[in-house]
Amino acid sequence: MRTIGFVLNPIAGMGGRVGLKGTDGKVAEARERGAEPRAPGRAREALDALHDRAPDARVLTAGDPMGASVARAAGFDPEVVWTPDGEETSGEDTRRAVEALVAAGVDLVLFVGGDGTAVDVARAIGDSGTPMLGVPAGVKIYSSVFAVTPRAAGRIAVDYDRVAEREVNDIDEDAYRGGEVVTDLKAVVQVPIASEVQSSKQLGGGSVESLAAGFADEVESGVTYVLGPGSTVGAIKRELGFEGSPLGVDVWRDGEVLVRDGSESEILDALGDRNVVVVSPIGGQGFVFGRGNQQLSPAVLRRSEVQVVASPSKLDGIGELRVDTGDPDLDEELRGWRKVRVGRFEQRLLRTV
């Protein structure tokens, strides 16, 4: 039976739904905006799946708030190998926790967070060769070390039998908030091989001018359009007559921008009688919800129709769409075949899994 080292970044993802596009250096602001911890719930989903597969697994972890209580709640009797000094944790705490897990001889470091957490974990693992696997809980997830969902991470931690080298990437959050994506390869690490480990995010999108023009021709009076991030939807925003937030969510109705770069609460306040959320999948990964657009929360989605748009070249590199809203019931409702707009008139059927 494997020995699993488990570490939780308790503040990961807090900035997502309140529109901060990340939590690095923004925890106080996120809390002021009403953000609530997201990572512990995601951690519990992963450990529940792990416990379902291997209830007798040996789990080593850090003291609260970095893992112990969540592991116990999932049914494990974890061994605590390191404990942070207080409730407010940092990247240094993550590194110290992982160093202790590696020193204790774990077979896999299962961590909960985003790209920033992945960088800290990779640095702590160093040259030890210990494999790592991420439970997606951050706002930005560009690295190819994460499972596609928390439950998938729990299953993979038990079932994998081989590992391969994968990339840990991070971006400059300040530049990201300003609309610029600046990626940086931080490490190459060992990660379990499984179909449910996501690919690195690809940034190319292809030509979308005809798609945007066709969409703009068909907008309806009185309908509220909630326009997600990315270059494809950005082309639609420009066709509608405004320069939107390239990495945020904008709300538009009848020629007026109601919300620019909105948080979940701002988007909810702007919704009308009929609402359409417009999103484009992440190249190379296929995610339409749950990666970089957590402002499009279950509460927003349950009041809206969903329109997916993408260039044909982007879809050729995906194969299927993915959703990870944090609400398993909603994820199930969103699964199945969906029409994706790929041109002025053309559509393509793609399965959402």
Protein backbone atom coordinates (compact mmCIF):
# COMPACT_ATOMS: atom_id res chain seq x y z
CA MET A 1 0.00 0.00 0.00
CA ARG A 2 1.30 3.45 -0.93
CA THR A 3 2.23 6.08 1.59
CA ILE A 4 0.57 9.33 0.55
CA GLY A 5 1.93 12.69 1.62
CA PHE A 6 -0.92 15.22 1.69
CA VAL A 7 -0.58 18.99 1.94
CA LEU A 8 -3.24 21.67 1.63
CA ASN A 9 -2.79 25.35 0.77
CA PRO A 10 -5.84 26.62 2.68
CA ILE A 11 -6.07 29.96 0.85
CA ALA A 12 -5.71 28.65 -2.71
CA GLY A 13 -8.42 29.85 -5.05
CA MET A 14 -9.93 32.42 -2.72
CA GLY A 15 -9.41 35.23 -5.21
CA GLY A 16 -11.26 33.51 -8.06
CA ARG A 17 -14.94 34.22 -7.44
CA VAL A 18 -14.29 37.75 -6.24
CA GLY A 19 -12.47 38.61 -9.46
CA LEU A 20 -8.86 38.84 -8.26
CA LYS A 21 -7.54 36.20 -10.71
CA GLY A 22 -5.25 34.84 -8.03
CA THR A 23 -4.56 34.91 -4.31
CA ASP A 24 -0.81 35.61 -4.15
CA GLY A 25 -0.44 38.68 -1.96
CA LYS A 26 -4.20 39.31 -2.12
CA VAL A 27 -5.62 37.28 0.77
CA ALA A 28 -6.70 40.29 2.83
CA GLU A 29 -8.34 41.92 -0.19
CA ALA A 30 -10.07 38.67 -1.11
CA ARG A 31 -11.53 38.43 2.38
CA GLU A 32 -12.64 42.05 2.28
CA ARG A 33 -14.53 41.22 -0.91
CA GLY A 34 -16.27 38.35 0.86
CA ALA A 35 -14.17 35.46 -0.42
CA GLU A 36 -14.55 32.14 1.34
CA PRO A 37 -12.00 29.29 1.50
CA ARG A 38 -12.35 26.97 -1.48
CA ALA A 39 -9.40 24.63 -1.11
CA PRO A 40 -10.53 22.63 1.97
CA GLY A 41 -13.68 21.48 0.18
CA ARG A 42 -11.69 20.47 -2.87
CA ALA A 43 -9.25 18.63 -0.60
CA ARG A 44 -12.09 16.72 1.03
CA GLU A 45 -13.41 15.60 -2.37
CA ALA A 46 -9.99 14.21 -3.28
CA LEU A 47 -9.50 12.42 0.03
CA ASP A 48 -13.02 10.99 -0.04
CA ALA A 49 -12.21 9.42 -3.42
CA LEU A 50 -8.88 8.19 -2.05
CA HIS A 51 -10.62 6.66 0.97
CA ASP A 52 -13.21 4.97 -1.25
CA ARG A 53 -10.38 3.26 -3.17
CA ALA A 54 -7.97 2.61 -0.29
CA PRO A 55 -9.45 3.12 3.20
CA ASP A 56 -6.35 1.64 4.83
CA ALA A 57 -3.87 3.86 2.99
CA ARG A 58 -1.13 5.40 5.08
CA VAL A 59 -1.50 9.18 4.97
CA LEU A 60 1.16 11.60 6.22
CA THR A 61 0.26 15.26 6.36
CA ALA A 62 0.86 18.67 7.91
CA GLY A 63 -0.92 20.02 10.95
CA ASP A 64 -3.90 22.34 10.60
CA PRO A 65 -4.83 24.29 8.62
CA MET A 66 -2.70 22.41 6.08
CA GLY A 67 -4.28 18.98 6.04
CA ALA A 68 -4.76 17.07 9.29
CA SER A 69 -8.44 17.85 9.98
CA VAL A 70 -9.48 17.27 6.37
CA ALA A 71 -7.71 13.91 6.33
CA ARG A 72 -9.44 12.88 9.55
CA ALA A 73 -12.81 14.02 8.24
CA ALA A 74 -12.31 11.78 5.20
CA GLY A 75 -11.83 8.77 7.47
CA PHE A 76 -8.05 8.51 7.73
CA ASP A 77 -5.88 8.48 10.83
CA PRO A 78 -3.07 10.68 9.47
CA GLU A 79 0.46 11.00 10.80
CA VAL A 80 1.36 14.66 11.24
CA VAL A 81 5.00 15.24 10.26
CA TRP A 82 5.11 19.05 10.48
CA THR A 83 2.88 21.83 11.81
CA PRO A 84 2.79 25.53 10.81
CA ASP A 85 3.13 28.21 13.48
CA GLY A 86 -0.32 29.74 13.02
CA GLU A 87 -3.49 29.95 10.98
CA GLU A 88 -2.00 32.27 8.32
CA THR A 89 0.19 30.13 6.06
CA SER A 90 2.62 30.99 3.29
CA GLY A 91 4.57 29.41 0.47
CA GLU A 92 7.40 28.82 2.89
CA ASP A 93 5.05 26.74 5.04
CA THR A 94 4.15 24.65 2.01
CA ARG A 95 7.81 24.07 1.25
CA ARG A 96 8.61 23.05 4.83
CA ALA A 97 5.66 20.68 4.95
CA VAL A 98 6.65 18.99 1.70
CA GLU A 99 10.29 18.72 2.79
CA ALA A 100 9.09 16.89 5.90
CA LEU A 101 6.89 14.58 3.83
CA VAL A 102 9.76 13.74 1.46
CA ALA A 103 12.10 13.13 4.40
CA ALA A 104 9.52 10.73 5.84
CA GLY A 105 9.67 8.68 2.64
CA VAL A 106 6.23 9.21 1.08
CA ASP A 107 5.57 7.60 -2.30
CA LEU A 108 3.57 10.56 -3.64
CA VAL A 109 2.97 14.17 -2.61
CA LEU A 110 -0.73 14.95 -3.15
CA PHE A 111 -1.14 18.71 -2.85
CA VAL A 112 -4.12 21.06 -3.02
CA GLY A 113 -3.67 24.47 -4.65
CA GLY A 114 -2.84 26.19 -7.92
CA ASP A 115 0.27 26.94 -9.92
CA GLY A 116 1.92 28.90 -7.12
CA THR A 117 1.49 25.95 -4.75
CA ALA A 118 2.82 23.61 -7.45
CA VAL A 119 5.98 25.70 -7.68
CA ASP A 120 6.48 25.53 -3.91
CA VAL A 121 5.93 21.75 -3.89
CA ALA A 122 8.34 21.22 -6.79
CA ARG A 123 11.04 23.28 -5.09
CA ALA A 124 10.68 21.31 -1.88
CA ILE A 125 10.82 17.98 -3.69
CA GLY A 126 14.01 19.10 -5.41
CA ASP A 127 16.12 16.26 -6.77
CA SER A 128 14.51 13.58 -4.60
CA GLY A 129 12.43 12.23 -7.51
CA THR A 130 9.31 11.93 -5.37
CA PRO A 131 6.25 12.15 -7.67
CA MET A 132 3.68 14.90 -7.13
CA LEU A 133 0.05 15.30 -8.13
CA GLY A 134 -2.15 18.38 -7.79
CA VAL A 135 -5.75 18.69 -6.66
CA PRO A 136 -6.97 21.72 -8.67
CA ALA A 137 -8.04 24.50 -6.30
CA GLY A 138 -6.27 27.62 -7.56
CA VAL A 139 -7.50 30.33 -9.91
CA LYS A 140 -4.84 29.82 -12.58
CA ILE A 141 -3.76 26.30 -13.46
CA TYR A 142 -1.25 26.27 -16.30
CA SER A 143 0.90 23.37 -15.05
CA SER A 144 0.52 19.80 -16.31
CA VAL A 145 0.76 18.30 -12.82
CA PHE A 146 -2.94 18.52 -11.86
CA ALA A 147 -5.73 15.99 -12.09
CA VAL A 148 -8.76 17.20 -14.02
CA THR A 149 -10.96 17.14 -10.88
CA PRO A 150 -10.40 16.63 -7.14
CA ARG A 151 -12.00 13.16 -7.18
CA ALA A 152 -9.82 12.17 -10.12
CA ALA A 153 -6.76 13.12 -8.06
CA GLY A 154 -7.87 10.79 -5.28
CA ARG A 155 -8.38 7.91 -7.68
CA ILE A 156 -5.08 8.46 -9.49
CA ALA A 157 -3.13 8.56 -6.21
CA VAL A 158 -4.20 4.97 -5.60
CA ASP A 159 -4.32 3.49 -9.10
CA TYR A 160 -1.28 4.80 -11.00
CA ASP A 161 1.61 2.48 -11.78
CA ARG A 162 3.94 4.71 -13.82
CA VAL A 163 5.18 8.30 -13.77
CA ALA A 164 6.48 10.70 -16.40
CA GLU A 165 8.11 14.11 -16.51
CA ARG A 166 5.64 17.02 -16.59
CA GLU A 167 6.00 20.80 -16.49
CA VAL A 168 5.35 23.18 -13.61
CA ASN A 169 4.51 26.63 -14.98
CA ASP A 170 3.52 29.84 -13.24
CA ILE A 171 2.55 33.33 -14.34
CA ASP A 172 3.08 36.84 -13.06
CA GLU A 173 -0.19 37.52 -11.21
CA ASP A 174 0.18 41.30 -11.37
CA ALA A 175 0.61 41.11 -15.15
CA TYR A 176 -2.28 38.63 -15.31
CA ARG A 177 -4.58 41.05 -13.49
CA GLY A 178 -3.55 43.68 -16.02
CA GLY A 179 -4.56 41.44 -18.91
CA GLU A 180 -1.17 39.99 -19.89
CA VAL A 181 -0.21 36.34 -19.66
CA VAL A 182 3.49 35.89 -18.91
CA THR A 183 4.30 32.23 -18.33
CA ASP A 184 7.51 30.85 -16.91
CA LEU A 185 8.68 27.24 -16.73
CA LYS A 186 9.61 26.67 -13.09
CA ALA A 187 10.38 22.95 -12.87
CA VAL A 188 10.09 19.54 -14.50
CA VAL A 189 8.83 16.90 -12.09
CA GLN A 190 7.60 13.31 -11.93
CA VAL A 191 3.81 12.98 -12.16
CA PRO A 192 1.59 9.88 -12.32
CA ILE A 193 0.56 8.83 -15.82
CA ALA A 194 -3.23 8.83 -16.16
CA SER A 195 -5.81 10.01 -18.67
CA GLU A 196 -7.27 12.30 -16.01
CA VAL A 197 -4.09 14.34 -15.58
CA GLN A 198 -4.55 17.58 -17.49
CA SER A 199 -2.29 18.89 -20.23
CA SER A 200 -0.34 22.12 -20.13
CA LYS A 201 -2.39 25.12 -21.18
CA GLN A 202 -1.83 26.16 -24.76
CA LEU A 203 -2.16 29.85 -25.53
CA GLY A 204 -2.81 29.82 -29.27
CA GLY A 205 -6.38 30.25 -30.49
CA GLY A 206 -6.44 30.67 -34.26
CA SER A 207 -8.61 33.06 -36.28
CA VAL A 208 -11.95 33.90 -34.69
CA GLU A 209 -13.06 36.99 -36.66
CA SER A 210 -15.89 35.30 -38.54
CA LEU A 211 -17.05 33.55 -35.37
CA ALA A 212 -17.21 36.86 -33.50
CA ALA A 213 -19.03 38.59 -36.36
CA GLY A 214 -21.59 35.81 -36.57
CA PHE A 215 -22.20 35.90 -32.85
CA ALA A 216 -22.63 39.69 -32.83
CA ASP A 217 -25.15 39.45 -35.70
CA GLU A 218 -27.35 37.21 -33.56
CA VAL A 219 -27.39 39.02 -30.22
CA GLU A 220 -30.91 39.54 -28.92
CA SER A 221 -32.49 42.59 -27.32
CA GLY A 222 -33.06 42.30 -23.60
CA VAL A 223 -30.69 39.35 -23.18
CA THR A 224 -27.82 39.72 -20.71
CA TYR A 225 -24.54 38.33 -22.06
CA VAL A 226 -21.94 37.24 -19.51
CA LEU A 227 -18.70 37.15 -21.49
CA GLY A 228 -15.85 35.10 -20.10
CA PRO A 229 -12.07 35.56 -20.40
CA GLY A 230 -9.76 34.72 -23.26
CA SER A 231 -8.90 35.88 -26.75
CA THR A 232 -11.80 34.13 -28.50
CA VAL A 233 -14.47 35.75 -26.36
CA GLY A 234 -12.39 38.94 -26.46
CA ALA A 235 -12.97 39.07 -30.22
CA ILE A 236 -16.71 38.91 -29.56
CA LYS A 237 -16.43 41.78 -27.09
CA ARG A 238 -14.66 43.91 -29.68
CA GLU A 239 -17.30 43.03 -32.27
CA LEU A 240 -19.93 44.23 -29.79
CA GLY A 241 -18.13 47.56 -29.61
CA PHE A 242 -16.05 47.51 -26.46
CA GLU A 243 -12.61 46.45 -25.28
CA GLY A 244 -13.37 44.02 -22.51
CA SER A 245 -11.28 42.64 -19.69
CA PRO A 246 -9.08 40.05 -21.46
CA LEU A 247 -8.72 37.79 -18.43
CA GLY A 248 -11.88 38.73 -16.56
CA VAL A 249 -15.64 38.43 -16.97
CA ASP A 250 -17.69 41.28 -18.47
CA VAL A 251 -21.47 41.67 -18.58
CA TRP A 252 -23.15 43.34 -21.60
CA ARG A 253 -26.77 44.03 -22.49
CA ASP A 254 -28.35 46.13 -25.26
CA GLY A 255 -25.16 47.96 -26.17
CA GLU A 256 -24.13 48.74 -22.61
CA VAL A 257 -21.32 47.26 -20.53
CA LEU A 258 -22.97 46.60 -17.17
CA VAL A 259 -19.97 45.05 -15.43
CA ARG A 260 -16.30 45.02 -16.37
CA ASP A 261 -13.96 42.44 -14.86
CA GLY A 262 -16.70 41.45 -12.42
CA SER A 263 -16.74 39.34 -9.31
CA GLU A 264 -19.37 36.66 -8.72
CA SER A 265 -21.57 39.03 -6.71
CA GLU A 266 -21.31 41.81 -9.32
CA ILE A 267 -22.27 39.39 -12.07
CA LEU A 268 -25.23 38.07 -10.10
CA ASP A 269 -26.48 41.61 -9.48
CA ALA A 270 -26.35 42.39 -13.21
CA LEU A 271 -28.26 39.31 -14.41
CA GLY A 272 -31.64 39.82 -16.03
CA ASP A 273 -34.63 37.69 -16.99
CA ARG A 274 -32.65 35.79 -19.63
CA ASN A 275 -28.89 35.36 -19.42
CA VAL A 276 -26.29 33.73 -21.67
CA VAL A 277 -22.81 32.83 -20.42
CA VAL A 278 -20.29 32.81 -23.29
CA VAL A 279 -17.04 30.91 -22.78
CA SER A 280 -14.25 29.33 -24.80
CA PRO A 281 -12.40 26.19 -23.73
CA ILE A 282 -8.80 26.36 -22.62
CA GLY A 283 -6.53 25.19 -25.42
CA GLY A 284 -4.94 21.81 -24.77
CA GLN A 285 -7.11 21.15 -21.70
CA GLY A 286 -10.72 21.62 -22.78
CA PHE A 287 -11.96 23.21 -19.57
CA VAL A 288 -14.88 25.60 -20.02
CA PHE A 289 -15.57 26.12 -16.31
CA GLY A 290 -13.32 25.88 -13.25
CA ARG A 291 -10.05 27.19 -14.65
CA GLY A 292 -9.46 30.94 -14.53
CA ASN A 293 -13.16 31.82 -14.55
CA GLN A 294 -14.43 30.88 -11.08
CA GLN A 295 -16.47 34.12 -11.10
CA LEU A 296 -18.81 32.07 -13.28
CA SER A 297 -19.94 30.23 -10.18
CA PRO A 298 -22.70 27.63 -9.85
CA ALA A 299 -25.04 30.43 -8.76
CA VAL A 300 -24.35 32.33 -11.99
CA LEU A 301 -24.55 29.25 -14.19
CA ARG A 302 -27.84 28.04 -12.72
CA ARG A 303 -29.45 31.31 -13.85
CA SER A 304 -27.94 31.23 -17.35
CA GLU A 305 -27.79 29.44 -20.65
CA VAL A 306 -24.30 28.43 -21.79
CA GLN A 307 -22.79 29.15 -25.21
CA VAL A 308 -19.34 27.68 -26.00
CA VAL A 309 -17.29 29.22 -28.81
CA ALA A 310 -13.92 28.16 -30.23
CA SER A 311 -11.87 28.14 -33.40
CA PRO A 312 -11.75 24.79 -35.24
CA SER A 313 -8.00 24.56 -34.65
CA LYS A 314 -8.48 24.84 -30.90
CA LEU A 315 -11.09 22.07 -30.89
CA ASP A 316 -8.80 19.84 -32.97
CA GLY A 317 -6.33 19.93 -30.09
CA ILE A 318 -8.90 19.19 -27.39
CA GLY A 319 -11.20 16.31 -28.34
CA GLU A 320 -13.63 16.89 -25.47
CA LEU A 321 -14.81 19.59 -23.09
CA ARG A 322 -14.41 19.49 -19.32
CA VAL A 323 -16.19 21.16 -16.41
CA ASP A 324 -15.13 21.52 -12.79
CA THR A 325 -17.48 24.05 -11.20
CA GLY A 326 -17.10 22.81 -7.64
CA ASP A 327 -20.74 21.62 -7.66
CA PRO A 328 -20.88 17.91 -8.64
CA ASP A 329 -24.61 18.05 -9.42
CA LEU A 330 -24.13 21.00 -11.74
CA ASP A 331 -21.14 19.34 -13.39
CA GLU A 332 -23.35 16.34 -14.13
CA GLU A 333 -26.04 18.59 -15.62
CA LEU A 334 -23.46 20.22 -17.90
CA ARG A 335 -22.07 16.92 -19.19
CA GLY A 336 -23.14 15.41 -22.49
CA TRP A 337 -23.05 16.57 -26.11
CA ARG A 338 -22.88 20.31 -26.70
CA LYS A 339 -22.91 22.48 -29.84
CA VAL A 340 -19.80 24.66 -30.06
CA ARG A 341 -19.84 27.67 -32.37
CA VAL A 342 -16.74 27.56 -34.61
CA GLY A 343 -17.56 30.14 -37.32
CA ARG A 344 -20.09 32.65 -38.56
CA PHE A 345 -22.67 29.92 -39.09
CA GLU A 346 -20.84 26.66 -38.40
CA GLN A 347 -21.17 24.57 -35.25
CA ARG A 348 -19.49 21.39 -34.08
CA LEU A 349 -20.75 18.79 -31.62
CA LEU A 350 -18.37 18.03 -28.76
CA ARG A 351 -18.90 15.90 -25.69
CA THR A 352 -18.55 17.45 -22.23
CA VAL A 353 -17.10 14.99 -19.73
